[in-house]
Amino acid sequence: MQAQKSSKIIVEHADFFNKDDEKIPDAVLLQGNVRVRQEGVVFTCNKAYIFEKENYLKAFGEVQMVQGDTLFLNSKYAEYNGEVKQAYATGNVVMRSTDATLVTDTINFDRKTQEAFYNSYGTITNKENTLKSKSGRYFANEKKFRFLTSVTIINPKYTIKSNHLDYYTNSGHSYLFGPSTITSKENFIYTEKGFYDTKKNYAYFKRKSYIKYKDRLIEADSLYYDRNREYASGTNNVKITDSINKGIIKGHYAEIYRNLKTEKDSMIITKRAVAITLVEKDSMYIHGKKMLVTGKKGERIVRGFNNVRFYKTDMSGKCDSIHSSQKAALTKLIGRPILWNYENQMTGDVMHLIGNNDTEKLDSLKVLNNAFIISKDSIGTGYNQVKGQNLYGKFKDNKLYDVDVVKNAEVIFYMRNDQHELIGINKNVSSKINMALDKKTIDTITFFDQVDGDIYPEKDLPENARKLRGFIWRADERIKSKDDIFPEEENIMDAKIQAEKKIEMAKDNNPIKPSKETLDYDKNNPKPKPEKTDVTTKPMVK
């Protein structure tokens, strides 16, 4: 199919006409208020040469090209090829569309594809932002700038830098690809594939992305961020590092709210959630189906809900929910708590772990109502047991070393000599019992007031009398590593997420495709039609 022939450039006005084939063959010289037209585009200037055979224009002095009411191009000098419909402009170039203005030195514009490109440093401004780049391409139909070299978006609230960015002037939507940064007073954002709405101030990031505050780092496979609300959410492999409080939160979904004025913030973490805190060079891992962290620096409160499990090298446990206050240095284990400290199993209705904020070590333990401590006899098959209404323990170097059991205290204790030979089984009741513990088991027991009981030879105390009422040995439930805190279904979910990530990371990394919201922006946000501009008035920016 033969290409349709372009129409001729038509001269509409000039104060002076001249044709001199000897000096400039095949050219018409136009001077003074020059105005020419071709198929919907109008050129005005001070002086022009029209090459009629080539259908070519050279324009000088206050040149302006106007395309309808959507594009204005001003320069000192311009050339236009009417056959291929391509324009070239140089010298203080200003290109204006309905949404943005570009200032550069030289620009090329292709009317057929409606694309303009420049390779001389340019500055683009609109209502929200200023963009600066070494080179760029403008797609008039899409109202989009594309930058494949260093570009900077300067907004009053932040600065975006990237080497590959698509910017839509009507919507303010920015699509970033490759190493890109967003810097503001509040935080620093890094991504290698992302989107930012510069009008509404929300964004999402897809690859190697993180948000860094002065006291917190948020990482995830996928991040969403709303600057106006200081809200962020992360999906898959979420990791939140608290540099001030020496803590890490992990999970596969998280929401973070920050209040920059009060410095209070909150986090909700689910899907294999774990809070990791440093306790004297040893990490405590706390898991719950849902973890909630609230409060400002130094006053953080960590709460875990539904099947809470925790692990530390010398301590582990389970409960229905947990409440840990940094300011009070108090951790409450609520709902069927069980605690293992080395070889000692402890249960009760409520447990409190009290820390020392100065030393950052555990200080004491309270077990309230139905306190029960069990440890296996060091050699035999029996169990040392102590029960009472309440238990109060003291820690030294994070090891439980001294315990008081008060009110209705009962004991079964296997007594051995220095050669570890069984002397007898002490079965007693008293109003109060004190126990000294080594790191593995009960070492000595002291009875106070209303002591009633005896030391029985092993043969004289039947098996059914060697366990106190309520005895349940739960060694099979004991959490022996940080991996044991997660239920099987969450481990299966984690394995699936990691496999999917591995497949995704092996794929070629491609830019995010523009969303329907971006492509349909003008249709969904119609503007009132502008008044018709008389091109003879030359509405140019000088």
Protein backbone atom coordinates (compact mmCIF):
# COMPACT_ATOMS: atom_id res chain seq x y z
CA MET A 1 0.00 0.00 0.00
CA GLN A 2 1.46 3.34 -1.04
CA ALA A 3 1.93 5.90 1.74
CA GLN A 4 -0.43 8.86 1.59
CA LYS A 5 1.32 11.95 0.28
CA SER A 6 1.62 14.84 2.72
CA SER A 7 -0.06 18.11 1.89
CA LYS A 8 1.97 21.20 1.13
CA ILE A 9 2.95 23.78 3.71
CA ILE A 10 0.57 26.70 3.22
CA VAL A 11 1.62 30.30 3.78
CA GLU A 12 -1.19 32.19 5.51
CA HIS A 13 0.53 35.52 6.16
CA ALA A 14 3.80 37.43 5.95
CA ASP A 15 4.50 41.17 5.84
CA PHE A 16 7.14 40.65 3.14
CA PHE A 17 7.51 38.06 0.35
CA ASN A 18 10.63 37.48 -1.72
CA LYS A 19 11.99 34.80 -4.03
CA ASP A 20 15.60 34.84 -5.33
CA ASP A 21 16.56 31.59 -7.10
CA GLU A 22 20.10 32.79 -7.64
CA LYS A 23 20.82 33.28 -3.93
CA ILE A 24 18.56 30.55 -2.48
CA PRO A 25 17.20 28.25 -5.20
CA ASP A 26 13.63 26.94 -4.77
CA ALA A 27 13.14 28.97 -1.59
CA VAL A 28 10.61 31.64 -0.68
CA LEU A 29 11.68 34.19 1.92
CA LEU A 30 8.98 35.32 4.35
CA GLN A 31 9.49 38.15 6.82
CA GLY A 32 7.37 39.90 9.45
CA ASN A 33 4.51 38.21 11.32
CA VAL A 34 5.03 34.99 9.41
CA ARG A 35 2.28 32.38 9.73
CA VAL A 36 2.23 29.04 7.89
CA ARG A 37 0.08 25.92 8.31
CA GLN A 38 0.04 22.22 7.52
CA GLU A 39 -2.71 19.79 8.56
CA GLY A 40 -3.56 21.11 12.00
CA VAL A 41 -0.19 22.57 12.95
CA VAL A 42 0.58 26.30 12.73
CA PHE A 43 4.02 27.91 12.72
CA THR A 44 4.58 31.58 13.52
CA CYS A 45 7.94 33.40 13.48
CA ASN A 46 9.75 36.58 12.45
CA LYS A 47 11.42 35.14 9.38
CA ALA A 48 11.16 31.91 7.39
CA TYR A 49 12.36 30.11 4.26
CA ILE A 50 9.89 27.81 2.50
CA PHE A 51 11.51 25.21 0.21
CA GLU A 52 8.50 24.36 -1.92
CA LYS A 53 9.85 21.30 -3.77
CA GLU A 54 11.06 19.64 -0.55
CA ASN A 55 8.01 20.87 1.39
CA TYR A 56 10.44 22.12 4.02
CA LEU A 57 10.45 25.06 6.43
CA LYS A 58 13.25 26.93 8.19
CA ALA A 59 12.02 29.42 10.78
CA PHE A 60 13.92 32.16 12.66
CA GLY A 61 13.15 34.44 15.60
CA GLU A 62 10.35 33.93 18.14
CA VAL A 63 9.39 30.66 16.52
CA GLN A 64 6.27 28.94 17.74
CA MET A 65 4.68 25.68 16.62
CA VAL A 66 1.09 25.16 17.77
CA GLN A 67 -0.72 21.83 17.50
CA GLY A 68 -4.41 22.35 18.26
CA ASP A 69 -4.87 23.50 21.84
CA THR A 70 -2.69 20.79 23.36
CA LEU A 71 0.93 21.49 22.35
CA PHE A 72 2.99 24.67 22.02
CA LEU A 73 6.67 24.63 21.02
CA ASN A 74 8.71 27.85 21.22
CA SER A 75 12.34 28.36 20.18
CA LYS A 76 14.77 30.73 18.50
CA TYR A 77 15.12 28.51 15.45
CA ALA A 78 13.21 25.58 13.97
CA GLU A 79 13.07 23.34 10.92
CA TYR A 80 10.07 21.37 9.71
CA ASN A 81 9.91 18.63 7.10
CA GLY A 82 6.36 18.61 5.79
CA GLU A 83 6.87 15.32 3.93
CA VAL A 84 7.73 13.24 7.00
CA LYS A 85 6.11 15.67 9.46
CA GLN A 86 9.16 16.02 11.67
CA ALA A 87 10.22 19.20 13.45
CA TYR A 88 13.54 20.27 14.95
CA ALA A 89 13.84 23.22 17.31
CA THR A 90 16.81 24.76 19.10
CA GLY A 91 17.69 27.80 21.19
CA ASN A 92 15.78 28.36 24.45
CA VAL A 93 13.26 25.67 23.60
CA VAL A 94 10.03 25.71 25.58
CA MET A 95 7.46 22.96 24.94
CA ARG A 96 4.11 23.29 26.72
CA SER A 97 1.30 20.78 26.94
CA THR A 98 -1.89 21.14 28.95
CA ASP A 99 -0.19 19.61 32.02
CA ALA A 100 3.52 20.41 31.88
CA THR A 101 6.25 22.66 30.49
CA LEU A 102 9.63 21.45 29.19
CA VAL A 103 12.61 23.81 28.90
CA THR A 104 15.69 22.56 27.04
CA ASP A 105 18.14 23.60 24.33
CA THR A 106 17.21 21.32 21.43
CA ILE A 107 14.24 19.10 20.70
CA ASN A 108 12.95 16.89 17.89
CA PHE A 109 9.24 16.27 17.36
CA ASP A 110 7.63 13.61 15.17
CA ARG A 111 4.03 14.52 14.36
CA LYS A 112 3.21 11.07 12.98
CA THR A 113 4.09 9.24 16.19
CA GLN A 114 3.41 12.29 18.39
CA GLU A 115 6.78 11.85 20.07
CA ALA A 116 9.35 14.45 21.07
CA PHE A 117 12.86 13.72 22.29
CA TYR A 118 15.82 15.73 23.56
CA ASN A 119 19.44 14.97 24.48
CA SER A 120 20.33 18.35 25.98
CA TYR A 121 19.61 18.81 29.67
CA GLY A 122 15.92 19.55 30.22
CA THR A 123 13.68 20.77 33.03
CA ILE A 124 10.01 19.83 33.17
CA THR A 125 7.60 21.61 35.51
CA ASN A 126 3.97 21.15 36.34
CA LYS A 127 1.74 21.99 39.28
CA GLU A 128 3.23 19.35 41.61
CA ASN A 129 6.81 18.69 40.51
CA THR A 130 10.00 19.75 38.79
CA LEU A 131 11.84 17.10 36.75
CA LYS A 132 15.43 17.42 35.60
CA SER A 133 17.16 15.05 33.21
CA LYS A 134 19.99 14.76 30.73
CA SER A 135 17.69 13.41 28.02
CA GLY A 136 14.11 12.33 27.61
CA ARG A 137 11.27 11.42 25.30
CA TYR A 138 7.72 12.78 25.39
CA PHE A 139 4.72 10.81 24.10
CA ALA A 140 2.05 13.41 23.42
CA ASN A 141 -0.88 10.99 23.03
CA GLU A 142 -0.12 9.36 26.38
CA LYS A 143 1.05 12.60 28.02
CA LYS A 144 4.08 10.67 29.17
CA PHE A 145 7.76 11.49 29.58
CA ARG A 146 10.24 8.60 29.47
CA PHE A 147 13.74 8.96 30.90
CA LEU A 148 16.48 6.37 30.34
CA THR A 149 19.30 8.40 31.87
CA SER A 150 19.63 10.11 35.22
CA VAL A 151 16.40 11.91 36.13
CA THR A 152 15.37 13.78 39.26
CA ILE A 153 11.83 14.66 40.37
CA ILE A 154 11.80 17.50 42.88
CA ASN A 155 8.66 17.85 44.98
CA PRO A 156 8.30 20.11 48.04
CA LYS A 157 8.00 16.96 50.19
CA TYR A 158 10.54 14.61 48.58
CA THR A 159 13.04 14.00 45.76
CA ILE A 160 12.93 11.00 43.39
CA LYS A 161 16.04 9.86 41.51
CA SER A 162 16.16 7.12 38.89
CA ASN A 163 17.80 6.08 35.63
CA HIS A 164 14.60 4.66 34.15
CA LEU A 165 11.34 6.48 34.81
CA ASP A 166 8.03 6.99 33.04
CA TYR A 167 6.21 10.12 34.19
CA TYR A 168 2.61 10.88 33.17
CA THR A 169 2.06 14.63 33.26
CA ASN A 170 -1.74 14.52 33.58
CA SER A 171 -1.94 12.10 36.52
CA GLY A 172 1.48 12.67 38.09
CA HIS A 173 2.00 8.91 38.04
CA SER A 174 5.65 7.80 38.06
CA TYR A 175 6.84 4.30 37.15
CA LEU A 176 10.38 3.57 38.33
CA PHE A 177 12.64 0.79 37.10
CA GLY A 178 16.15 -0.10 38.18
CA PRO A 179 17.92 1.39 41.23
CA SER A 180 15.76 4.32 42.35
CA THR A 181 15.54 6.43 45.50
CA ILE A 182 12.94 8.67 47.13
CA THR A 183 14.38 10.98 49.77
CA SER A 184 12.38 13.11 52.20
CA LYS A 185 12.71 14.66 55.64
CA GLU A 186 10.83 11.72 57.13
CA ASN A 187 12.41 8.74 55.39
CA PHE A 188 14.50 7.27 52.59
CA ILE A 189 13.01 4.78 50.12
CA TYR A 190 14.88 2.44 47.78
CA THR A 191 13.37 0.27 45.06
CA GLU A 192 14.28 -1.39 41.78
CA LYS A 193 10.72 -1.51 40.49
CA GLY A 194 7.97 0.73 41.73
CA PHE A 195 5.15 3.22 41.25
CA TYR A 196 4.60 6.65 42.85
CA ASP A 197 1.53 8.87 42.56
CA THR A 198 3.01 12.35 43.00
CA LYS A 199 -0.43 13.97 43.33
CA LYS A 200 -1.96 11.67 45.93
CA ASN A 201 1.36 10.72 47.55
CA TYR A 202 0.93 6.97 47.62
CA ALA A 203 3.22 4.32 46.15
CA TYR A 204 3.94 0.64 45.79
CA PHE A 205 7.29 -1.05 45.30
CA LYS A 206 7.99 -4.53 43.94
CA ARG A 207 11.66 -5.45 43.96
CA LYS A 208 14.50 -5.17 46.54
CA SER A 209 12.58 -2.36 48.22
CA TYR A 210 12.80 -0.80 51.64
CA ILE A 211 11.68 2.27 53.62
CA LYS A 212 14.23 3.64 56.08
CA TYR A 213 13.39 5.96 58.97
CA LYS A 214 16.01 7.24 61.41
CA ASP A 215 15.03 4.49 63.86
CA ARG A 216 13.40 1.85 61.69
CA LEU A 217 13.94 -0.10 58.46
CA ILE A 218 10.99 -1.72 56.66
CA GLU A 219 11.71 -4.36 54.01
CA ALA A 220 9.37 -6.65 52.03
CA ASP A 221 8.96 -8.35 48.67
CA SER A 222 6.10 -5.92 48.03
CA LEU A 223 5.59 -2.58 49.80
CA TYR A 224 2.71 -0.09 49.79
CA TYR A 225 3.26 3.42 51.15
CA ASP A 226 0.90 6.36 51.80
CA ARG A 227 2.91 9.49 52.66
CA ASN A 228 -0.12 11.57 53.69
CA ARG A 229 -1.06 9.07 56.42
CA GLU A 230 2.49 7.79 57.05
CA TYR A 231 1.10 4.31 56.52
CA ALA A 232 2.94 1.37 55.01
CA SER A 233 2.07 -2.25 54.41
CA GLY A 234 4.33 -5.10 53.38
CA THR A 235 3.59 -8.46 51.82
CA ASN A 236 5.87 -11.53 51.85
CA ASN A 237 9.22 -11.65 53.65
CA VAL A 238 8.44 -8.56 55.69
CA LYS A 239 11.25 -7.50 58.01
CA ILE A 240 11.06 -4.46 60.30
CA THR A 241 14.28 -3.57 62.09
CA ASP A 242 14.10 -1.26 65.11
CA SER A 243 17.61 0.15 65.56
CA ILE A 244 16.77 2.06 68.77
CA ASN A 245 15.15 -0.82 70.65
CA LYS A 246 17.35 -3.54 69.13
CA GLY A 247 14.39 -5.49 67.83
CA ILE A 248 13.29 -7.17 64.61
CA ILE A 249 9.74 -8.04 63.52
CA LYS A 250 9.20 -10.56 60.73
CA GLY A 251 6.16 -12.00 58.97
CA HIS A 252 4.51 -12.29 55.58
CA TYR A 253 2.08 -9.41 56.06
CA ALA A 254 2.42 -6.22 58.08
CA GLU A 255 0.81 -2.81 58.45
CA ILE A 256 2.71 0.12 59.97
CA TYR A 257 1.25 3.45 61.11
CA ARG A 258 3.57 6.28 62.14
CA ASN A 259 2.74 9.54 63.93
CA LEU A 260 5.72 11.77 63.25
CA LYS A 261 4.58 14.45 65.73
CA THR A 262 4.05 12.25 68.79
CA GLU A 263 6.54 9.58 67.62
CA LYS A 264 3.90 7.01 68.52
CA ASP A 265 3.41 4.28 65.98
CA SER A 266 1.85 0.87 65.66
CA MET A 267 2.50 -2.31 63.71
CA ILE A 268 0.33 -5.32 63.01
CA ILE A 269 2.13 -8.44 61.76
CA THR A 270 0.55 -11.72 60.69
CA LYS A 271 1.41 -14.84 58.66
CA ARG A 272 4.35 -16.49 60.42
CA ALA A 273 4.86 -13.42 62.58
CA VAL A 274 7.82 -13.28 64.97
CA ALA A 275 9.18 -10.53 67.22
CA ILE A 276 12.91 -10.82 67.95
CA THR A 277 14.37 -8.80 70.82
CA LEU A 278 17.88 -8.78 72.19
CA VAL A 279 18.20 -9.71 75.87
CA GLU A 280 21.83 -9.42 76.98
CA LYS A 281 23.43 -10.74 73.78
CA ASP A 282 20.76 -13.44 73.46
CA SER A 283 17.73 -13.15 71.20
CA MET A 284 14.17 -13.81 72.38
CA TYR A 285 11.82 -15.05 69.61
CA ILE A 286 8.07 -14.52 70.16
CA HIS A 287 5.48 -15.87 67.72
CA GLY A 288 1.74 -15.39 67.55
CA LYS A 289 -0.83 -15.66 64.79
CA LYS A 290 -1.05 -11.88 65.12
CA MET A 291 1.57 -9.58 66.65
CA LEU A 292 0.86 -5.95 67.57
CA VAL A 293 3.57 -3.40 68.43
CA THR A 294 2.56 0.06 69.67
CA GLY A 295 4.03 3.08 71.45
CA LYS A 296 6.87 5.51 70.99
CA LYS A 297 10.60 4.96 71.44
CA GLY A 298 11.43 3.53 74.85
CA GLU A 299 7.76 2.78 75.54
CA ARG A 300 7.04 0.02 73.06
CA ILE A 301 4.36 -2.52 73.89
CA VAL A 302 4.44 -5.91 72.13
CA ARG A 303 1.31 -8.03 72.13
CA GLY A 304 0.84 -11.47 70.64
CA PHE A 305 -2.44 -13.30 70.15
CA ASN A 306 -3.55 -16.87 69.52
CA ASN A 307 -1.18 -19.73 70.21
CA VAL A 308 1.80 -17.66 71.31
CA ARG A 309 5.15 -19.44 71.50
CA PHE A 310 8.52 -18.04 72.47
CA TYR A 311 12.12 -19.21 72.57
CA LYS A 312 15.41 -18.11 74.10
CA THR A 313 18.46 -20.36 74.51
CA ASP A 314 17.78 -20.80 78.23
CA MET A 315 14.01 -20.31 78.21
CA SER A 316 10.96 -21.14 76.12
CA GLY A 317 7.22 -21.31 76.55
CA LYS A 318 3.66 -21.16 75.30
CA CYS A 319 0.47 -19.28 76.17
CA ASP A 320 -2.73 -17.99 74.59
CA SER A 321 -1.52 -14.37 74.46
CA ILE A 322 1.38 -12.22 75.58
CA HIS A 323 1.74 -8.57 76.64
CA SER A 324 5.23 -7.08 76.94
CA SER A 325 5.81 -3.48 78.09
CA GLN A 326 9.23 -2.00 77.43
CA LYS A 327 8.77 0.89 79.86
CA ALA A 328 7.59 -1.36 82.73
CA ALA A 329 10.04 -4.11 81.71
CA LEU A 330 7.12 -6.48 82.24
CA THR A 331 6.04 -9.42 80.09
CA LYS A 332 2.70 -11.07 80.91
CA LEU A 333 1.97 -14.61 79.72
CA ILE A 334 -1.81 -14.88 79.64
CA GLY A 335 -4.01 -17.96 79.21
CA ARG A 336 -2.66 -21.44 80.02
CA PRO A 337 1.00 -20.37 80.20
CA ILE A 338 3.84 -22.86 80.39
CA LEU A 339 7.48 -21.94 80.79
CA TRP A 340 10.63 -24.01 80.49
CA ASN A 341 13.79 -22.63 82.08
CA TYR A 342 16.56 -25.09 81.35
CA GLU A 343 15.11 -28.40 82.70
CA ASN A 344 12.40 -26.82 84.83
CA GLN A 345 8.80 -26.82 83.62
CA MET A 346 6.55 -24.18 85.18
CA THR A 347 2.80 -23.68 84.85
CA GLY A 348 0.17 -21.47 86.48
CA ASP A 349 -2.86 -19.34 85.63
CA VAL A 350 -0.82 -16.15 84.96
CA MET A 351 2.92 -15.60 84.55
CA HIS A 352 4.87 -12.35 84.74
CA LEU A 353 8.48 -11.99 83.62
CA ILE A 354 10.04 -8.81 85.04
CA GLY A 355 13.17 -7.31 83.51
CA ASN A 356 15.66 -4.62 84.45
CA ASN A 357 15.88 -1.79 81.92
CA ASP A 358 19.28 -0.68 83.24
CA THR A 359 20.99 -4.06 82.91
CA GLU A 360 18.72 -5.32 80.08
CA LYS A 361 18.51 -8.63 81.93
CA LEU A 362 15.67 -10.67 83.41
CA ASP A 363 15.13 -9.82 87.07
CA SER A 364 12.27 -11.93 88.42
CA LEU A 365 9.34 -14.24 87.73
CA LYS A 366 5.84 -14.39 89.14
CA VAL A 367 3.49 -17.34 88.66
CA LEU A 368 0.07 -16.49 90.08
CA ASN A 369 -2.52 -19.09 91.08
CA ASN A 370 -1.93 -22.84 90.72
CA ALA A 371 1.84 -22.51 90.43
CA PHE A 372 3.50 -25.82 89.57
CA ILE A 373 7.17 -26.49 88.88
CA ILE A 374 8.46 -29.88 87.67
CA SER A 375 11.91 -31.14 86.77
CA LYS A 376 12.99 -34.67 85.99
CA ASP A 377 15.15 -36.43 88.57
CA SER A 378 18.75 -36.22 87.41
CA ILE A 379 19.26 -39.98 87.26
CA GLY A 380 16.07 -41.94 87.84
CA THR A 381 12.65 -41.90 86.21
CA GLY A 382 10.98 -39.81 88.89
CA TYR A 383 10.09 -36.11 88.92
CA ASN A 384 10.89 -33.37 91.39
CA GLN A 385 7.73 -31.32 91.96
CA VAL A 386 6.70 -28.20 93.82
CA LYS A 387 3.23 -26.66 93.78
CA GLY A 388 1.46 -23.88 95.62
CA GLN A 389 -0.78 -20.88 95.14
CA ASN A 390 1.92 -18.45 93.94
CA LEU A 391 5.55 -18.68 92.84
CA TYR A 392 8.15 -15.91 93.01
CA GLY A 393 11.50 -16.46 91.33
CA LYS A 394 14.71 -14.46 91.00
CA PHE A 395 17.06 -14.45 87.99
CA LYS A 396 20.80 -14.02 87.95
CA ASP A 397 22.48 -13.61 84.56
CA ASN A 398 19.10 -14.57 83.03
CA LYS A 399 19.11 -17.89 84.92
CA LEU A 400 16.43 -18.73 87.49
CA TYR A 401 18.36 -19.44 90.71
CA ASP A 402 16.01 -18.76 93.64
CA VAL A 403 12.31 -19.60 93.95
CA ASP A 404 9.73 -19.09 96.71
CA VAL A 405 6.44 -20.98 96.62
CA VAL A 406 3.85 -19.62 99.04
CA LYS A 407 0.52 -20.82 100.41
CA ASN A 408 -0.40 -24.50 100.43
CA ALA A 409 3.05 -25.50 99.18
CA GLU A 410 3.56 -29.17 98.37
CA VAL A 411 6.80 -30.95 97.46
CA ILE A 412 8.00 -34.26 96.10
CA PHE A 413 11.80 -34.20 95.89
CA TYR A 414 14.28 -36.98 95.11
CA MET A 415 17.17 -36.59 97.54
CA ARG A 416 20.63 -37.80 96.46
CA ASN A 417 24.06 -37.74 98.08
CA ASP A 418 27.32 -36.54 96.53
CA GLN A 419 27.67 -39.91 94.79
CA HIS A 420 24.21 -39.31 93.25
CA GLU A 421 22.78 -42.22 95.26
CA LEU A 422 19.11 -41.91 96.17
CA ILE A 423 18.73 -41.27 99.89
CA GLY A 424 14.96 -41.02 99.85
CA ILE A 425 11.95 -39.20 98.48
CA ASN A 426 10.93 -36.10 100.41
CA LYS A 427 7.16 -35.59 100.38
CA ASN A 428 6.07 -32.55 102.36
CA VAL A 429 3.54 -29.75 102.71
CA SER A 430 4.19 -26.36 104.32
CA SER A 431 3.06 -22.76 104.15
CA LYS A 432 6.17 -21.67 102.23
CA ILE A 433 9.04 -23.32 100.38
CA ASN A 434 12.30 -21.85 99.13
CA MET A 435 14.27 -23.60 96.39
CA ALA A 436 17.79 -23.02 95.14
CA LEU A 437 18.24 -24.11 91.54
CA ASP A 438 21.25 -24.86 89.43
CA LYS A 439 20.87 -24.46 85.69
CA LYS A 440 19.41 -27.91 85.24
CA THR A 441 17.27 -28.81 88.23
CA ILE A 442 16.28 -28.14 91.84
CA ASP A 443 19.39 -28.16 94.06
CA THR A 444 18.11 -27.63 97.61
CA ILE A 445 14.74 -27.06 99.28
CA THR A 446 14.00 -25.20 102.52
CA PHE A 447 10.62 -25.49 104.28
CA PHE A 448 9.01 -22.74 106.38
CA ASP A 449 6.17 -23.06 108.91
CA GLN A 450 3.63 -25.82 109.37
CA VAL A 451 5.82 -28.51 107.86
CA ASP A 452 4.06 -31.82 107.54
CA GLY A 453 5.58 -34.81 105.75
CA ASP A 454 8.51 -37.17 105.72
CA ILE A 455 11.41 -38.61 103.74
CA TYR A 456 10.41 -42.00 102.40
CA PRO A 457 12.68 -44.81 101.26
CA GLU A 458 12.00 -45.47 97.60
CA LYS A 459 10.41 -48.86 98.36
CA ASP A 460 7.99 -47.33 100.87
CA LEU A 461 6.47 -44.71 98.57
CA PRO A 462 4.27 -46.32 95.88
CA GLU A 463 4.34 -45.00 92.30
CA ASN A 464 0.84 -43.55 92.50
CA ALA A 465 1.93 -41.42 95.47
CA ARG A 466 4.95 -39.92 93.70
CA LYS A 467 2.99 -37.33 91.70
CA LEU A 468 1.14 -34.36 93.08
CA ARG A 469 -2.42 -33.64 92.01
CA GLY A 470 -2.44 -31.74 88.69
CA PHE A 471 0.88 -33.23 87.55
CA ILE A 472 1.30 -33.13 83.75
CA TRP A 473 4.76 -33.60 82.25
CA ARG A 474 4.73 -31.88 78.84
CA ALA A 475 8.23 -32.53 77.54
CA ASP A 476 6.91 -33.41 74.08
CA GLU A 477 5.57 -29.84 73.79
CA ARG A 478 8.82 -28.18 74.77
CA ILE A 479 10.16 -25.63 72.30
CA LYS A 480 13.81 -26.48 71.74
CA SER A 481 14.76 -24.09 68.93
CA LYS A 482 13.61 -20.85 67.33
CA ASP A 483 12.12 -22.87 64.45
CA ASP A 484 9.83 -24.76 66.85
CA ILE A 485 7.78 -21.63 67.57
CA PHE A 486 5.99 -21.86 64.21
CA PRO A 487 3.04 -24.24 63.64
CA GLU A 488 3.27 -26.65 60.72
CA GLU A 489 0.69 -24.87 58.56
CA GLU A 490 2.69 -21.63 58.72
CA ASN A 491 5.90 -23.44 57.78
CA ILE A 492 4.10 -24.88 54.73
CA MET A 493 2.90 -21.37 53.80
CA ASP A 494 6.45 -20.02 54.21
CA ALA A 495 7.94 -22.74 52.00
CA LYS A 496 5.40 -21.92 49.27
CA ILE A 497 6.18 -18.19 49.45
CA GLN A 498 9.94 -18.81 49.26
CA ALA A 499 9.52 -21.13 46.25
CA GLU A 500 7.38 -18.54 44.46
CA LYS A 501 9.93 -15.83 45.20
CA LYS A 502 12.75 -17.96 43.81
CA ILE A 503 10.81 -18.45 40.56
CA GLU A 504 9.98 -14.73 40.37
CA MET A 505 13.57 -13.63 40.99
CA ALA A 506 14.79 -15.98 38.24
CA LYS A 507 12.59 -14.21 35.68
CA ASP A 508 13.77 -11.21 33.69
CA ASN A 509 13.01 -8.04 35.57
CA ASN A 510 10.64 -5.87 33.53
CA PRO A 511 9.08 -2.48 34.30
CA ILE A 512 5.61 -2.32 35.82
CA LYS A 513 2.95 -1.95 33.14
CA PRO A 514 0.86 1.23 33.48
CA SER A 515 -2.37 0.64 35.38
CA LYS A 516 -5.87 1.22 34.06
CA GLU A 517 -6.09 4.21 36.41
CA THR A 518 -3.07 5.76 34.66
CA LEU A 519 -4.24 5.03 31.12
CA ASP A 520 -7.82 6.19 31.75
CA TYR A 521 -6.90 9.21 33.86
CA ASP A 522 -8.23 11.89 31.49
CA LYS A 523 -11.40 9.92 30.82
CA ASN A 524 -12.06 9.57 34.56
CA ASN A 525 -10.94 13.13 35.38
CA PRO A 526 -12.32 15.29 32.56
CA LYS A 527 -11.23 18.91 32.46
CA PRO A 528 -13.37 21.80 31.24
CA LYS A 529 -12.54 22.62 27.63
CA PRO A 530 -10.13 25.57 27.41
CA GLU A 531 -11.05 28.69 25.54
CA LYS A 532 -9.79 28.69 21.96
CA THR A 533 -6.40 30.36 21.69
CA ASP A 534 -5.63 32.76 18.88
CA VAL A 535 -2.19 31.63 17.74
CA THR A 536 -1.40 35.10 16.44
CA THR A 537 -1.05 36.25 20.05
CA LYS A 538 1.94 33.91 20.44
CA PRO A 539 1.29 32.65 24.01
CA MET A 540 4.93 31.80 24.51
CA VAL A 541 7.08 31.76 27.64
CA LYS A 542 10.02 34.07 27.16
